[in-house]
Amino acid sequence: MSRERTLTGHAGLDLEPAKRPTREEAMEAVRTLIAWSGDDPRREGVIDTPKRVVDAYAEWFEGYAADPAKELSRTFEDVQGYDDIVMLREIEVESHCEHHMAPFLGKAYVAYMPTNRVVGISKIARVVEIFARRLQTQETMTQQIADAICDSLKPAGVAVLIDAAHQCMTTRGVHHRHVTTITTQFRGVFKTDATLRQRFLDFVNRG
């Protein structure tokens, strides 16, 4: 990923693109946080921490360099009359919330009702991964996944459910463990047809 890439603001905000810091600038920021926390960034145990943190961030947030539409662009029109739900269950979600940059971990359940084309099932999981590897809220991510599938596949309907535990709630603040957050998005026939929507939820709860 190029150091010269600019970082864009959220849609709807009149912001100048932010210049991506260099790797060394990012590492210096980590040293500053180590010192702010009360430790000495020159200490043997943490002297290489800035490098490790920057490497981890490059992996955790690699979704900014990926394009969900490109992942969904290769479709197959020979569905041989198939006209029922296509669903992926228990897709791993590893993301970070934009409020505290703390991890939230869980599962995604994604279904769509094809019209005249389908996409390779791994591509749906990849779309979830792309949006998860960015800073956002769980609510926004759920909507983004549904939008991407609707825009690229033009299906009769899309259903997305994410169930995740947020460490900004379990390891700080209220310290409530074993609490998860569920977000959903229903589009097209999954929104208008209660029976179809219930089938999706039954598949989510199966097992």
N, C-alpha and C. Protein backbone atom coordinates (compact mmCIF):
# COMPACT_ATOMS: atom_id res chain seq x y z
N MET A 1 0.85 -1.19 0.00
CA MET A 1 0.00 0.00 0.00
C MET A 1 0.88 1.24 0.00
N SER A 2 0.66 2.15 -0.89
CA SER A 2 1.53 3.30 -1.05
C SER A 2 1.41 4.27 0.13
N ARG A 3 2.57 4.78 0.54
CA ARG A 3 2.56 5.78 1.61
C ARG A 3 1.92 7.09 1.15
N GLU A 4 1.91 7.29 -0.16
CA GLU A 4 1.42 8.56 -0.68
C GLU A 4 -0.10 8.58 -0.84
N ARG A 5 -0.74 7.43 -0.60
CA ARG A 5 -2.20 7.40 -0.77
C ARG A 5 -2.86 8.35 0.22
N THR A 6 -3.83 9.12 -0.27
CA THR A 6 -4.56 10.02 0.61
C THR A 6 -5.70 9.28 1.27
N LEU A 7 -6.11 9.76 2.42
CA LEU A 7 -7.19 9.15 3.17
C LEU A 7 -8.41 10.02 3.03
N THR A 8 -9.51 9.43 2.59
CA THR A 8 -10.72 10.21 2.34
C THR A 8 -11.59 10.26 3.57
N GLY A 9 -12.33 11.35 3.72
CA GLY A 9 -13.26 11.51 4.84
C GLY A 9 -14.55 10.79 4.57
N HIS A 10 -15.46 10.84 5.54
CA HIS A 10 -16.76 10.18 5.39
C HIS A 10 -17.59 10.91 4.35
N ALA A 11 -18.45 10.16 3.67
CA ALA A 11 -19.34 10.74 2.68
C ALA A 11 -20.23 11.79 3.34
N GLY A 12 -20.40 12.90 2.64
CA GLY A 12 -21.27 13.94 3.15
C GLY A 12 -20.55 15.02 3.94
N LEU A 13 -19.26 14.78 4.25
CA LEU A 13 -18.49 15.78 4.98
C LEU A 13 -17.56 16.49 4.01
N ASP A 14 -17.50 17.81 4.10
CA ASP A 14 -16.67 18.62 3.21
C ASP A 14 -15.28 18.72 3.81
N LEU A 15 -14.49 17.65 3.65
CA LEU A 15 -13.16 17.59 4.23
C LEU A 15 -12.11 17.43 3.15
N GLU A 16 -10.97 18.06 3.36
CA GLU A 16 -9.85 17.84 2.47
C GLU A 16 -9.29 16.44 2.72
N PRO A 17 -8.87 15.73 1.66
CA PRO A 17 -8.26 14.41 1.87
C PRO A 17 -7.06 14.52 2.80
N ALA A 18 -6.93 13.57 3.71
CA ALA A 18 -5.81 13.55 4.65
C ALA A 18 -4.67 12.76 4.05
N LYS A 19 -3.45 13.28 4.17
CA LYS A 19 -2.28 12.59 3.63
C LYS A 19 -1.91 11.43 4.55
N ARG A 20 -1.64 10.29 3.96
CA ARG A 20 -1.25 9.12 4.74
C ARG A 20 0.13 9.35 5.34
N PRO A 21 0.27 9.19 6.66
CA PRO A 21 1.60 9.35 7.28
C PRO A 21 2.57 8.29 6.79
N THR A 22 3.85 8.56 6.93
CA THR A 22 4.86 7.56 6.60
C THR A 22 4.87 6.49 7.70
N ARG A 23 5.52 5.38 7.40
CA ARG A 23 5.65 4.30 8.38
C ARG A 23 6.37 4.80 9.63
N GLU A 24 7.42 5.59 9.44
CA GLU A 24 8.17 6.09 10.59
C GLU A 24 7.32 7.04 11.43
N GLU A 25 6.50 7.86 10.79
CA GLU A 25 5.61 8.75 11.54
C GLU A 25 4.60 7.95 12.35
N ALA A 26 4.12 6.86 11.77
CA ALA A 26 3.19 6.00 12.51
C ALA A 26 3.89 5.35 13.70
N MET A 27 5.10 4.90 13.51
CA MET A 27 5.85 4.29 14.61
C MET A 27 6.14 5.30 15.71
N GLU A 28 6.42 6.53 15.32
CA GLU A 28 6.67 7.57 16.33
C GLU A 28 5.41 7.86 17.13
N ALA A 29 4.25 7.78 16.49
CA ALA A 29 2.99 7.96 17.20
C ALA A 29 2.80 6.87 18.25
N VAL A 30 3.18 5.64 17.91
CA VAL A 30 3.09 4.55 18.89
C VAL A 30 4.04 4.80 20.06
N ARG A 31 5.23 5.27 19.77
CA ARG A 31 6.17 5.60 20.87
C ARG A 31 5.57 6.66 21.78
N THR A 32 4.90 7.63 21.18
CA THR A 32 4.26 8.67 21.99
C THR A 32 3.20 8.08 22.90
N LEU A 33 2.40 7.16 22.40
CA LEU A 33 1.36 6.53 23.21
C LEU A 33 1.96 5.68 24.33
N ILE A 34 3.07 5.00 24.03
CA ILE A 34 3.74 4.22 25.07
C ILE A 34 4.21 5.14 26.19
N ALA A 35 4.82 6.26 25.81
CA ALA A 35 5.29 7.22 26.82
C ALA A 35 4.11 7.83 27.57
N TRP A 36 3.01 8.14 26.85
CA TRP A 36 1.83 8.72 27.50
C TRP A 36 1.22 7.76 28.51
N SER A 37 1.31 6.46 28.22
CA SER A 37 0.75 5.47 29.14
C SER A 37 1.57 5.33 30.41
N GLY A 38 2.79 5.88 30.42
CA GLY A 38 3.62 5.84 31.62
C GLY A 38 4.84 4.97 31.50
N ASP A 39 5.04 4.36 30.33
CA ASP A 39 6.19 3.48 30.13
C ASP A 39 7.28 4.23 29.36
N ASP A 40 8.42 3.58 29.23
CA ASP A 40 9.55 4.16 28.51
C ASP A 40 9.69 3.45 27.17
N PRO A 41 9.44 4.13 26.05
CA PRO A 41 9.53 3.48 24.74
C PRO A 41 10.93 2.98 24.41
N ARG A 42 11.93 3.36 25.19
CA ARG A 42 13.29 2.87 24.97
C ARG A 42 13.56 1.57 25.71
N ARG A 43 12.61 1.15 26.56
CA ARG A 43 12.79 -0.07 27.35
C ARG A 43 12.87 -1.28 26.41
N GLU A 44 13.71 -2.25 26.78
CA GLU A 44 13.96 -3.40 25.92
C GLU A 44 12.67 -4.12 25.52
N GLY A 45 11.76 -4.28 26.46
CA GLY A 45 10.55 -5.04 26.20
C GLY A 45 9.61 -4.39 25.20
N VAL A 46 9.69 -3.07 25.04
CA VAL A 46 8.77 -2.37 24.13
C VAL A 46 9.48 -1.63 23.00
N ILE A 47 10.79 -1.78 22.91
CA ILE A 47 11.51 -1.00 21.91
C ILE A 47 11.10 -1.36 20.49
N ASP A 48 10.71 -2.62 20.27
CA ASP A 48 10.25 -3.03 18.94
C ASP A 48 8.73 -3.01 18.81
N THR A 49 8.04 -2.56 19.86
CA THR A 49 6.58 -2.54 19.82
C THR A 49 6.04 -1.64 18.71
N PRO A 50 6.60 -0.45 18.48
CA PRO A 50 6.06 0.38 17.39
C PRO A 50 6.05 -0.33 16.04
N LYS A 51 7.10 -1.06 15.73
CA LYS A 51 7.15 -1.81 14.46
C LYS A 51 6.05 -2.87 14.43
N ARG A 52 5.89 -3.59 15.53
CA ARG A 52 4.88 -4.65 15.56
C ARG A 52 3.47 -4.07 15.47
N VAL A 53 3.24 -2.93 16.13
CA VAL A 53 1.91 -2.31 16.09
C VAL A 53 1.58 -1.84 14.67
N VAL A 54 2.54 -1.21 14.01
CA VAL A 54 2.30 -0.73 12.65
C VAL A 54 2.04 -1.90 11.71
N ASP A 55 2.78 -2.98 11.87
CA ASP A 55 2.54 -4.17 11.05
C ASP A 55 1.15 -4.73 11.30
N ALA A 56 0.74 -4.74 12.57
CA ALA A 56 -0.59 -5.24 12.91
C ALA A 56 -1.68 -4.35 12.32
N TYR A 57 -1.48 -3.03 12.38
CA TYR A 57 -2.46 -2.11 11.82
C TYR A 57 -2.60 -2.30 10.31
N ALA A 58 -1.46 -2.57 9.64
CA ALA A 58 -1.51 -2.79 8.20
C ALA A 58 -2.40 -3.99 7.87
N GLU A 59 -2.39 -5.01 8.73
CA GLU A 59 -3.23 -6.18 8.51
C GLU A 59 -4.67 -5.92 8.94
N TRP A 60 -4.85 -5.32 10.12
CA TRP A 60 -6.20 -5.09 10.65
C TRP A 60 -7.02 -4.17 9.75
N PHE A 61 -6.36 -3.22 9.07
CA PHE A 61 -7.09 -2.22 8.30
C PHE A 61 -6.80 -2.30 6.80
N GLU A 62 -6.49 -3.50 6.33
CA GLU A 62 -6.20 -3.67 4.91
C GLU A 62 -7.44 -3.51 4.05
N GLY A 63 -8.61 -3.44 4.65
CA GLY A 63 -9.84 -3.28 3.88
C GLY A 63 -9.93 -1.97 3.14
N TYR A 64 -9.18 -0.96 3.58
CA TYR A 64 -9.22 0.32 2.87
C TYR A 64 -8.63 0.22 1.46
N ALA A 65 -7.77 -0.76 1.24
CA ALA A 65 -7.11 -0.90 -0.07
C ALA A 65 -7.85 -1.88 -0.96
N ALA A 66 -8.97 -2.43 -0.50
CA ALA A 66 -9.72 -3.43 -1.27
C ALA A 66 -11.05 -2.87 -1.74
N ASP A 67 -11.57 -3.41 -2.84
CA ASP A 67 -12.80 -2.92 -3.45
C ASP A 67 -13.85 -4.04 -3.44
N PRO A 68 -14.90 -3.91 -2.63
CA PRO A 68 -15.93 -4.95 -2.59
C PRO A 68 -16.58 -5.18 -3.96
N ALA A 69 -16.80 -4.11 -4.72
CA ALA A 69 -17.44 -4.25 -6.04
C ALA A 69 -16.59 -5.12 -6.96
N LYS A 70 -15.28 -5.00 -6.87
CA LYS A 70 -14.41 -5.82 -7.70
C LYS A 70 -14.54 -7.29 -7.32
N GLU A 71 -14.64 -7.56 -6.02
CA GLU A 71 -14.79 -8.94 -5.57
C GLU A 71 -16.08 -9.56 -6.10
N LEU A 72 -17.12 -8.74 -6.23
CA LEU A 72 -18.43 -9.24 -6.65
C LEU A 72 -18.66 -9.13 -8.16
N SER A 73 -17.65 -8.69 -8.89
CA SER A 73 -17.84 -8.40 -10.32
C SER A 73 -17.91 -9.65 -11.18
N ARG A 74 -17.30 -10.74 -10.73
CA ARG A 74 -17.33 -11.96 -11.53
C ARG A 74 -18.53 -12.81 -11.10
N THR A 75 -19.54 -12.80 -11.91
CA THR A 75 -20.77 -13.52 -11.59
C THR A 75 -21.03 -14.63 -12.61
N PHE A 76 -21.94 -15.52 -12.25
CA PHE A 76 -22.29 -16.65 -13.10
C PHE A 76 -23.78 -16.60 -13.39
N GLU A 77 -24.12 -16.56 -14.67
CA GLU A 77 -25.52 -16.43 -15.06
C GLU A 77 -26.21 -17.78 -15.26
N ASP A 78 -25.45 -18.85 -15.35
CA ASP A 78 -26.04 -20.17 -15.54
C ASP A 78 -26.44 -20.75 -14.18
N VAL A 79 -27.58 -20.33 -13.69
CA VAL A 79 -28.06 -20.81 -12.39
C VAL A 79 -29.03 -21.97 -12.54
N GLN A 80 -29.34 -22.36 -13.78
CA GLN A 80 -30.17 -23.53 -14.09
C GLN A 80 -31.49 -23.53 -13.32
N GLY A 81 -32.09 -22.35 -13.26
CA GLY A 81 -33.41 -22.23 -12.67
C GLY A 81 -33.44 -22.10 -11.16
N TYR A 82 -32.27 -22.04 -10.50
CA TYR A 82 -32.27 -21.92 -9.03
C TYR A 82 -32.86 -20.58 -8.63
N ASP A 83 -33.84 -20.60 -7.72
CA ASP A 83 -34.53 -19.36 -7.36
C ASP A 83 -34.83 -19.30 -5.86
N ASP A 84 -33.91 -19.83 -5.05
CA ASP A 84 -34.13 -19.82 -3.60
C ASP A 84 -32.93 -19.17 -2.91
N ILE A 85 -32.95 -19.19 -1.59
CA ILE A 85 -31.94 -18.50 -0.79
C ILE A 85 -30.55 -19.09 -1.02
N VAL A 86 -29.57 -18.19 -1.14
CA VAL A 86 -28.15 -18.55 -1.06
C VAL A 86 -27.64 -17.89 0.22
N MET A 87 -27.10 -18.69 1.13
CA MET A 87 -26.75 -18.14 2.45
C MET A 87 -25.42 -18.68 2.94
N LEU A 88 -24.64 -17.80 3.54
CA LEU A 88 -23.41 -18.17 4.24
C LEU A 88 -23.62 -17.91 5.73
N ARG A 89 -23.33 -18.91 6.55
CA ARG A 89 -23.50 -18.81 7.99
C ARG A 89 -22.14 -18.70 8.68
N GLU A 90 -22.13 -18.00 9.79
CA GLU A 90 -20.98 -17.96 10.70
C GLU A 90 -19.68 -17.53 10.02
N ILE A 91 -19.76 -16.47 9.24
CA ILE A 91 -18.54 -15.85 8.69
C ILE A 91 -17.84 -15.11 9.82
N GLU A 92 -16.58 -15.38 10.02
CA GLU A 92 -15.84 -14.72 11.10
C GLU A 92 -15.76 -13.20 10.87
N VAL A 93 -16.06 -12.45 11.91
CA VAL A 93 -15.94 -11.00 11.87
C VAL A 93 -14.88 -10.57 12.88
N GLU A 94 -13.84 -9.93 12.40
CA GLU A 94 -12.79 -9.35 13.25
C GLU A 94 -12.64 -7.90 12.82
N SER A 95 -13.13 -6.99 13.65
CA SER A 95 -13.14 -5.59 13.25
C SER A 95 -12.75 -4.71 14.44
N HIS A 96 -12.71 -3.40 14.18
CA HIS A 96 -12.39 -2.41 15.22
C HIS A 96 -13.39 -1.27 15.11
N CYS A 97 -13.95 -0.88 16.25
CA CYS A 97 -14.93 0.21 16.24
C CYS A 97 -14.23 1.55 16.07
N GLU A 98 -14.91 2.46 15.43
CA GLU A 98 -14.31 3.77 15.16
C GLU A 98 -14.28 4.67 16.38
N HIS A 99 -14.99 4.32 17.44
CA HIS A 99 -15.06 5.18 18.62
C HIS A 99 -13.85 5.02 19.54
N HIS A 100 -13.40 3.78 19.75
CA HIS A 100 -12.27 3.54 20.65
C HIS A 100 -11.14 2.78 19.97
N MET A 101 -11.32 2.39 18.70
CA MET A 101 -10.37 1.55 17.98
C MET A 101 -10.14 0.24 18.74
N ALA A 102 -11.16 -0.21 19.45
CA ALA A 102 -11.09 -1.48 20.16
C ALA A 102 -11.72 -2.57 19.30
N PRO A 103 -11.23 -3.81 19.43
CA PRO A 103 -11.77 -4.89 18.59
C PRO A 103 -13.22 -5.22 18.93
N PHE A 104 -13.96 -5.65 17.91
CA PHE A 104 -15.20 -6.38 18.15
C PHE A 104 -15.20 -7.62 17.27
N LEU A 105 -15.59 -8.73 17.88
CA LEU A 105 -15.44 -10.04 17.27
C LEU A 105 -16.78 -10.76 17.27
N GLY A 106 -17.07 -11.44 16.17
CA GLY A 106 -18.33 -12.16 16.13
C GLY A 106 -18.51 -12.92 14.84
N LYS A 107 -19.79 -13.08 14.45
CA LYS A 107 -20.15 -13.85 13.27
C LYS A 107 -21.11 -13.04 12.41
N ALA A 108 -20.98 -13.25 11.11
CA ALA A 108 -21.92 -12.64 10.16
C ALA A 108 -22.68 -13.74 9.43
N TYR A 109 -23.94 -13.46 9.16
CA TYR A 109 -24.81 -14.35 8.40
C TYR A 109 -25.36 -13.54 7.23
N VAL A 110 -25.09 -14.00 6.03
CA VAL A 110 -25.43 -13.22 4.84
C VAL A 110 -26.18 -14.11 3.86
N ALA A 111 -27.32 -13.62 3.37
CA ALA A 111 -28.11 -14.35 2.39
C ALA A 111 -28.57 -13.41 1.29
N TYR A 112 -28.75 -13.96 0.11
CA TYR A 112 -29.38 -13.19 -0.97
C TYR A 112 -30.26 -14.12 -1.79
N MET A 113 -31.23 -13.52 -2.44
CA MET A 113 -32.15 -14.24 -3.32
C MET A 113 -31.78 -13.88 -4.75
N PRO A 114 -31.10 -14.77 -5.47
CA PRO A 114 -30.62 -14.42 -6.81
C PRO A 114 -31.77 -14.24 -7.80
N THR A 115 -31.50 -13.43 -8.80
CA THR A 115 -32.44 -13.28 -9.90
C THR A 115 -31.93 -14.12 -11.08
N ASN A 116 -30.95 -13.59 -11.81
CA ASN A 116 -30.43 -14.34 -12.95
C ASN A 116 -28.93 -14.58 -12.87
N ARG A 117 -28.32 -14.30 -11.71
CA ARG A 117 -26.88 -14.53 -11.59
C ARG A 117 -26.50 -14.74 -10.14
N VAL A 118 -25.42 -15.49 -9.95
CA VAL A 118 -24.89 -15.74 -8.62
C VAL A 118 -23.41 -15.40 -8.63
N VAL A 119 -22.82 -15.38 -7.44
CA VAL A 119 -21.40 -15.09 -7.30
C VAL A 119 -20.77 -16.22 -6.50
N GLY A 120 -19.49 -16.44 -6.70
CA GLY A 120 -18.79 -17.46 -5.92
C GLY A 120 -18.95 -17.20 -4.43
N ILE A 121 -19.24 -18.26 -3.67
CA ILE A 121 -19.58 -18.05 -2.25
C ILE A 121 -18.43 -17.44 -1.46
N SER A 122 -17.18 -17.70 -1.87
CA SER A 122 -16.05 -17.11 -1.15
C SER A 122 -16.04 -15.60 -1.27
N LYS A 123 -16.63 -15.07 -2.35
CA LYS A 123 -16.64 -13.62 -2.56
C LYS A 123 -17.52 -12.92 -1.53
N ILE A 124 -18.61 -13.57 -1.10
CA ILE A 124 -19.45 -12.98 -0.07
C ILE A 124 -18.66 -12.86 1.24
N ALA A 125 -17.95 -13.92 1.60
CA ALA A 125 -17.13 -13.88 2.81
C ALA A 125 -16.05 -12.81 2.69
N ARG A 126 -15.49 -12.66 1.49
CA ARG A 126 -14.45 -11.65 1.28
C ARG A 126 -15.01 -10.23 1.45
N VAL A 127 -16.24 -9.99 0.99
CA VAL A 127 -16.86 -8.68 1.16
C VAL A 127 -17.02 -8.36 2.65
N VAL A 128 -17.46 -9.34 3.43
CA VAL A 128 -17.56 -9.13 4.88
C VAL A 128 -16.20 -8.77 5.45
N GLU A 129 -15.17 -9.48 5.04
CA GLU A 129 -13.83 -9.23 5.54
C GLU A 129 -13.34 -7.83 5.18
N ILE A 130 -13.61 -7.39 3.95
CA ILE A 130 -13.16 -6.06 3.51
C ILE A 130 -13.74 -4.97 4.40
N PHE A 131 -15.05 -5.02 4.63
CA PHE A 131 -15.66 -3.98 5.46
C PHE A 131 -15.27 -4.11 6.92
N ALA A 132 -15.02 -5.35 7.38
CA ALA A 132 -14.61 -5.54 8.76
C ALA A 132 -13.23 -4.95 9.01
N ARG A 133 -12.37 -4.95 8.00
CA ARG A 133 -11.01 -4.46 8.17
C ARG A 133 -10.92 -2.96 7.86
N ARG A 134 -11.90 -2.24 8.40
CA ARG A 134 -11.92 -0.78 8.36
C ARG A 134 -12.48 -0.30 9.69
N LEU A 135 -12.32 0.97 9.98
CA LEU A 135 -12.93 1.56 11.17
C LEU A 135 -14.36 1.96 10.85
N GLN A 136 -15.30 1.49 11.62
CA GLN A 136 -16.70 1.86 11.46
C GLN A 136 -17.48 1.31 12.65
N THR A 137 -18.77 1.56 12.68
CA THR A 137 -19.62 0.93 13.68
C THR A 137 -20.17 -0.37 13.11
N GLN A 138 -20.63 -1.24 13.98
CA GLN A 138 -21.24 -2.49 13.52
C GLN A 138 -22.47 -2.20 12.68
N GLU A 139 -23.22 -1.18 13.07
CA GLU A 139 -24.42 -0.82 12.31
C GLU A 139 -24.06 -0.43 10.87
N THR A 140 -23.02 0.39 10.73
CA THR A 140 -22.59 0.83 9.41
C THR A 140 -22.09 -0.34 8.59
N MET A 141 -21.30 -1.21 9.19
CA MET A 141 -20.76 -2.35 8.47
C MET A 141 -21.88 -3.25 7.95
N THR A 142 -22.90 -3.48 8.77
CA THR A 142 -24.02 -4.32 8.35
C THR A 142 -24.69 -3.73 7.12
N GLN A 143 -24.88 -2.42 7.13
CA GLN A 143 -25.50 -1.73 5.99
C GLN A 143 -24.60 -1.77 4.76
N GLN A 144 -23.30 -1.58 4.95
CA GLN A 144 -22.37 -1.57 3.82
C GLN A 144 -22.35 -2.92 3.10
N ILE A 145 -22.38 -4.01 3.86
CA ILE A 145 -22.39 -5.34 3.25
C ILE A 145 -23.64 -5.52 2.41
N ALA A 146 -24.79 -5.14 2.96
CA ALA A 146 -26.04 -5.26 2.21
C ALA A 146 -26.02 -4.40 0.96
N ASP A 147 -25.53 -3.16 1.08
CA ASP A 147 -25.46 -2.25 -0.07
C ASP A 147 -24.58 -2.83 -1.18
N ALA A 148 -23.42 -3.37 -0.80
CA ALA A 148 -22.48 -3.87 -1.81
C ALA A 148 -23.10 -5.03 -2.60
N ILE A 149 -23.79 -5.94 -1.90
CA ILE A 149 -24.39 -7.08 -2.59
C ILE A 149 -25.55 -6.62 -3.48
N CYS A 150 -26.36 -5.70 -2.96
CA CYS A 150 -27.47 -5.17 -3.77
C CYS A 150 -26.97 -4.47 -5.03
N ASP A 151 -25.95 -3.64 -4.87
CA ASP A 151 -25.45 -2.86 -6.00
C ASP A 151 -24.83 -3.74 -7.08
N SER A 152 -24.11 -4.78 -6.68
CA SER A 152 -23.37 -5.59 -7.65
C SER A 152 -24.19 -6.72 -8.25
N LEU A 153 -25.01 -7.39 -7.45
CA LEU A 153 -25.72 -8.58 -7.92
C LEU A 153 -27.15 -8.30 -8.36
N LYS A 154 -27.71 -7.15 -7.94
CA LYS A 154 -29.11 -6.84 -8.25
C LYS A 154 -30.04 -8.01 -7.89
N PRO A 155 -29.94 -8.54 -6.69
CA PRO A 155 -30.76 -9.69 -6.32
C PRO A 155 -32.19 -9.26 -5.99
N ALA A 156 -33.05 -10.25 -5.80
CA ALA A 156 -34.42 -9.95 -5.38
C ALA A 156 -34.47 -9.51 -3.93
N GLY A 157 -33.45 -9.88 -3.17
CA GLY A 157 -33.40 -9.47 -1.77
C GLY A 157 -32.08 -9.85 -1.13
N VAL A 158 -31.77 -9.17 -0.03
CA VAL A 158 -30.55 -9.43 0.73
C VAL A 158 -30.89 -9.39 2.21
N ALA A 159 -30.26 -10.28 2.98
CA ALA A 159 -30.41 -10.27 4.43
C ALA A 159 -29.03 -10.40 5.06
N VAL A 160 -28.75 -9.54 6.05
CA VAL A 160 -27.47 -9.57 6.75
C VAL A 160 -27.73 -9.49 8.24
N LEU A 161 -27.11 -10.37 9.01
CA LEU A 161 -27.16 -10.31 10.47
C LEU A 161 -25.75 -10.47 11.00
N ILE A 162 -25.35 -9.59 11.91
CA ILE A 162 -24.05 -9.68 12.57
C ILE A 162 -24.27 -9.72 14.07
N ASP A 163 -23.60 -10.66 14.72
CA ASP A 163 -23.67 -10.84 16.17
C ASP A 163 -22.24 -10.76 16.69
N ALA A 164 -21.92 -9.72 17.46
CA ALA A 164 -20.53 -9.49 17.85
C ALA A 164 -20.42 -8.96 19.27
N ALA A 165 -19.29 -9.27 19.89
CA ALA A 165 -18.96 -8.76 21.22
C ALA A 165 -17.92 -7.65 21.08
N HIS A 166 -18.18 -6.52 21.73
CA HIS A 166 -17.34 -5.33 21.60
C HIS A 166 -16.45 -5.17 22.83
N GLN A 167 -15.13 -5.14 22.60
CA GLN A 167 -14.22 -5.03 23.73
C GLN A 167 -14.21 -3.64 24.34
N CYS A 168 -14.73 -2.65 23.64
CA CYS A 168 -14.87 -1.33 24.26
C CYS A 168 -15.94 -1.36 25.35
N MET A 169 -16.75 -2.41 25.35
CA MET A 169 -17.77 -2.58 26.38
C MET A 169 -17.36 -3.63 27.41
N THR A 170 -16.59 -4.64 26.99
CA THR A 170 -16.24 -5.72 27.90
C THR A 170 -14.96 -5.47 28.67
N THR A 171 -14.03 -4.68 28.13
CA THR A 171 -12.73 -4.48 28.80
C THR A 171 -12.55 -3.07 29.34
N ARG A 172 -13.52 -2.20 29.13
CA ARG A 172 -13.47 -0.83 29.66
C ARG A 172 -14.90 -0.37 29.90
N GLY A 173 -15.04 0.84 30.41
CA GLY A 173 -16.39 1.39 30.59
C GLY A 173 -17.22 0.56 31.55
N VAL A 174 -18.32 0.01 31.06
CA VAL A 174 -19.26 -0.72 31.93
C VAL A 174 -18.76 -2.11 32.28
N HIS A 175 -17.78 -2.64 31.57
CA HIS A 175 -17.19 -3.96 31.85
C HIS A 175 -18.24 -5.06 31.92
N HIS A 176 -19.15 -5.07 30.96
CA HIS A 176 -20.15 -6.14 30.89
C HIS A 176 -19.68 -7.21 29.91
N ARG A 177 -19.32 -8.36 30.45
CA ARG A 177 -18.89 -9.47 29.62
C ARG A 177 -20.10 -10.30 29.18
N HIS A 178 -19.89 -11.11 28.20
CA HIS A 178 -20.91 -12.03 27.69
C HIS A 178 -22.12 -11.27 27.12
N VAL A 179 -21.92 -10.02 26.72
CA VAL A 179 -22.97 -9.25 26.05
C VAL A 179 -22.57 -9.10 24.58
N THR A 180 -23.50 -9.44 23.69
CA THR A 180 -23.23 -9.26 22.27
C THR A 180 -24.23 -8.29 21.67
N THR A 181 -23.85 -7.72 20.55
CA THR A 181 -24.71 -6.79 19.82
C THR A 181 -25.13 -7.44 18.51
N ILE A 182 -26.42 -7.38 18.21
CA ILE A 182 -26.95 -7.92 16.96
C ILE A 182 -27.47 -6.77 16.11
N THR A 183 -27.03 -6.75 14.86
CA THR A 183 -27.52 -5.76 13.89
C THR A 183 -28.01 -6.51 12.65
N THR A 184 -29.03 -5.96 11.99
CA THR A 184 -29.60 -6.61 10.82
C THR A 184 -29.89 -5.59 9.73
N GLN A 185 -29.91 -6.09 8.52
CA GLN A 185 -30.38 -5.33 7.37
C GLN A 185 -31.16 -6.30 6.47
N PHE A 186 -32.37 -5.90 6.09
CA PHE A 186 -33.20 -6.70 5.19
C PHE A 186 -33.56 -5.83 4.00
N ARG A 187 -33.34 -6.35 2.80
CA ARG A 187 -33.64 -5.61 1.58
C ARG A 187 -34.53 -6.46 0.67
N GLY A 188 -35.31 -5.82 -0.15
CA GLY A 188 -36.12 -6.51 -1.15
C GLY A 188 -37.09 -7.49 -0.52
N VAL A 189 -37.10 -8.72 -1.03
CA VAL A 189 -38.09 -9.70 -0.57
C VAL A 189 -37.89 -10.10 0.89
N PHE A 190 -36.67 -9.96 1.40
CA PHE A 190 -36.46 -10.28 2.81
C PHE A 190 -37.11 -9.23 3.72
N LYS A 191 -37.31 -8.05 3.18
CA LYS A 191 -37.97 -6.99 3.94
C LYS A 191 -39.49 -7.07 3.81
N THR A 192 -39.97 -7.46 2.63
CA THR A 192 -41.42 -7.44 2.38
C THR A 192 -42.11 -8.76 2.70
N ASP A 193 -41.36 -9.86 2.70
CA ASP A 193 -41.94 -11.18 2.90
C ASP A 193 -41.55 -11.71 4.29
N ALA A 194 -42.48 -11.68 5.23
CA ALA A 194 -42.19 -12.09 6.61
C ALA A 194 -41.81 -13.56 6.69
N THR A 195 -42.40 -14.39 5.85
CA THR A 195 -42.09 -15.82 5.87
C THR A 195 -40.65 -16.08 5.43
N LEU A 196 -40.23 -15.39 4.38
CA LEU A 196 -38.87 -15.53 3.90
C LEU A 196 -37.87 -15.01 4.93
N ARG A 197 -38.22 -13.88 5.54
CA ARG A 197 -37.35 -13.33 6.58
C ARG A 197 -37.21 -14.31 7.75
N GLN A 198 -38.29 -14.95 8.13
CA GLN A 198 -38.24 -15.91 9.22
C GLN A 198 -37.41 -17.13 8.85
N ARG A 199 -37.47 -17.55 7.58
CA ARG A 199 -36.61 -18.65 7.14
C ARG A 199 -35.15 -18.30 7.33
N PHE A 200 -34.79 -17.06 6.97
CA PHE A 200 -33.41 -16.62 7.17
C PHE A 200 -33.04 -16.70 8.64
N LEU A 201 -33.88 -16.18 9.51
CA LEU A 201 -33.58 -16.19 10.95
C LEU A 201 -33.53 -17.62 11.50
N ASP A 202 -34.35 -18.50 10.97
CA ASP A 202 -34.31 -19.90 11.38
C ASP A 202 -32.97 -20.52 10.99
N PHE A 203 -32.49 -20.19 9.79
CA PHE A 203 -31.18 -20.69 9.37
C PHE A 203 -30.07 -20.14 10.28
N VAL A 204 -30.19 -18.88 10.69
CA VAL A 204 -29.21 -18.28 11.59
C VAL A 204 -29.16 -19.07 12.90
N ASN A 205 -30.32 -19.42 13.42
CA ASN A 205 -30.41 -20.06 14.72
C ASN A 205 -30.22 -21.56 14.69
N ARG A 206 -30.15 -22.13 13.50
CA ARG A 206 -30.01 -23.58 13.38
C ARG A 206 -28.72 -24.07 14.02
N GLY A 207 -28.80 -25.08 14.86
CA GLY A 207 -27.62 -25.66 15.49
C GLY A 207 -27.10 -24.87 16.66
